[in-house]
Amino acid sequence: MKIPCELIVWYVLPTIRRELARELVENHSMTQAEVARRFGVTDAAISQYLKKKRGANPEMEQGVGYDEFKEEISKSAVLIKEGNADIVSETCRICGVVKDSGMLSRIYEVQLGYRPPSCVCPKER
């Protein structure tokens, strides 16, 4: 059995990085090099995120909650660009959105083929 954190590393974090990189480059006029420095990755990695060679996740992109996820990405990009938040804190916050929205539960079921543990299931709002 895989623990949920493994799925976050494999499927969720790359998607968060991809969407944050896209938002920062396309809508906030940051260069790929600047985004790479803030993420602590290479320029080539950012290029791959922007070309969707990294971070593609159909379970998230086609699932319920993706619109909310994208809204939160946009909010994070503004905070990061303005220097009011850092990549780490915003990534953790968005990861919580993924979990609370039920997207992580869907990834768990699709990728592993069985019901997720209770720690993955969204909390009632």
Protein backbone atom coordinates (compact mmCIF):
# COMPACT_ATOMS: atom_id res chain seq x y z
CA MET A 1 0.00 0.00 0.00
CA LYS A 2 1.27 3.44 -0.90
CA ILE A 3 1.03 6.22 1.62
CA PRO A 4 -0.79 9.35 0.43
CA CYS A 5 2.36 11.46 0.64
CA GLU A 6 3.93 9.33 -2.11
CA LEU A 7 1.06 10.20 -4.43
CA ILE A 8 1.43 13.86 -3.55
CA VAL A 9 5.11 13.75 -4.54
CA TRP A 10 4.44 11.85 -7.78
CA TYR A 11 1.23 13.52 -8.96
CA VAL A 12 0.24 16.63 -7.02
CA LEU A 13 3.46 18.59 -6.49
CA PRO A 14 4.50 18.47 -10.16
CA THR A 15 1.06 19.78 -11.15
CA ILE A 16 1.23 22.58 -8.59
CA ARG A 17 4.68 23.56 -9.88
CA ARG A 18 3.54 23.41 -13.49
CA GLU A 19 0.53 25.63 -12.89
CA LEU A 20 2.42 28.09 -10.68
CA ALA A 21 5.22 28.34 -13.25
CA ARG A 22 2.72 28.91 -16.04
CA GLU A 23 0.85 31.55 -14.06
CA LEU A 24 4.02 33.41 -13.06
CA VAL A 25 5.50 33.41 -16.57
CA GLU A 26 2.34 34.03 -18.61
CA ASN A 27 0.39 36.35 -16.33
CA HIS A 28 2.99 38.00 -14.12
CA SER A 29 5.82 38.60 -16.60
CA MET A 30 8.42 36.63 -14.69
CA THR A 31 11.18 34.99 -16.70
CA GLN A 32 11.69 31.26 -16.70
CA ALA A 33 15.07 31.84 -15.03
CA GLU A 34 13.50 33.88 -12.22
CA VAL A 35 10.82 31.25 -11.62
CA ALA A 36 13.48 28.52 -11.65
CA ARG A 37 15.50 30.36 -8.99
CA ARG A 38 12.45 30.78 -6.77
CA PHE A 39 11.49 27.12 -7.21
CA GLY A 40 15.05 25.91 -6.71
CA VAL A 41 15.06 24.03 -10.02
CA THR A 42 16.77 24.49 -13.38
CA ASP A 43 15.56 26.68 -16.21
CA ALA A 44 15.11 23.48 -18.22
CA ALA A 45 12.71 22.13 -15.59
CA ILE A 46 10.57 25.26 -15.86
CA SER A 47 10.62 24.92 -19.65
CA GLN A 48 9.35 21.34 -19.29
CA TYR A 49 6.57 22.46 -16.95
CA LEU A 50 5.49 25.14 -19.41
CA LYS A 51 5.45 22.62 -22.28
CA LYS A 52 3.49 20.16 -20.10
CA LYS A 53 6.28 17.60 -20.34
CA ARG A 54 6.24 17.59 -16.52
CA GLY A 55 3.30 17.92 -14.21
CA ALA A 56 0.51 16.63 -16.44
CA ASN A 57 -2.16 14.97 -14.33
CA PRO A 58 -5.43 14.05 -16.06
CA GLU A 59 -7.04 12.92 -12.80
CA MET A 60 -6.67 16.43 -11.43
CA GLU A 61 -7.24 18.37 -14.64
CA GLN A 62 -10.50 16.61 -15.45
CA GLY A 63 -11.74 16.24 -11.90
CA VAL A 64 -14.06 18.13 -9.65
CA GLY A 65 -12.22 20.87 -7.83
CA TYR A 66 -9.80 21.80 -10.61
CA ASP A 67 -11.39 25.23 -11.09
CA GLU A 68 -10.93 25.98 -7.38
CA PHE A 69 -7.34 24.68 -7.66
CA LYS A 70 -6.64 27.07 -10.55
CA GLU A 71 -8.12 30.00 -8.60
CA GLU A 72 -5.84 29.22 -5.68
CA ILE A 73 -2.86 29.00 -8.05
CA SER A 74 -3.71 32.49 -9.31
CA LYS A 75 -3.92 33.86 -5.77
CA SER A 76 -0.59 32.25 -4.89
CA ALA A 77 1.11 33.65 -7.96
CA VAL A 78 0.11 37.18 -6.98
CA LEU A 79 1.40 36.71 -3.44
CA ILE A 80 4.66 35.19 -4.69
CA LYS A 81 5.22 37.86 -7.33
CA GLU A 82 4.61 40.65 -4.80
CA GLY A 83 6.95 39.03 -2.28
CA ASN A 84 4.17 38.46 0.27
CA ALA A 85 4.56 34.66 0.26
CA ASP A 86 7.10 32.07 -0.72
CA ILE A 87 6.89 29.00 -2.94
CA VAL A 88 7.04 26.57 -0.02
CA SER A 89 4.17 28.02 2.00
CA GLU A 90 1.96 28.46 -1.05
CA THR A 91 2.70 24.95 -2.32
CA CYS A 92 1.70 23.53 1.07
CA ARG A 93 -1.47 25.63 1.11
CA ILE A 94 -2.47 24.51 -2.38
CA CYS A 95 -1.70 20.90 -1.51
CA GLY A 96 -4.26 21.28 1.28
CA VAL A 97 -6.78 22.56 -1.26
CA VAL A 98 -6.15 19.44 -3.38
CA LYS A 99 -6.76 17.20 -0.39
CA ASP A 100 -9.83 19.10 0.85
CA SER A 101 -11.41 19.20 -2.61
CA GLY A 102 -11.34 15.43 -3.03
CA MET A 103 -8.84 15.48 -5.89
CA LEU A 104 -6.29 13.50 -3.87
CA SER A 105 -8.91 10.85 -3.13
CA ARG A 106 -9.59 10.52 -6.85
CA ILE A 107 -5.88 10.23 -7.65
CA TYR A 108 -5.56 7.57 -4.97
CA GLU A 109 -8.45 5.53 -6.37
CA VAL A 110 -7.37 5.85 -10.01
CA GLN A 111 -3.66 5.22 -9.47
CA LEU A 112 -3.90 2.49 -6.85
CA GLY A 113 -7.28 0.97 -7.59
CA TYR A 114 -8.73 1.04 -4.13
CA ARG A 115 -10.45 3.31 -1.65
CA PRO A 116 -8.19 5.89 -0.01
CA PRO A 117 -7.55 5.91 3.72
CA SER A 118 -9.51 8.33 5.88
CA CYS A 119 -6.57 10.75 6.12
CA VAL A 120 -6.96 11.43 2.37
CA CYS A 121 -10.71 11.94 2.32
CA PRO A 122 -11.91 15.55 2.25
CA LYS A 123 -13.10 17.09 5.45
CA GLU A 124 -16.70 18.19 5.54
CA ARG A 125 -17.02 21.89 4.85
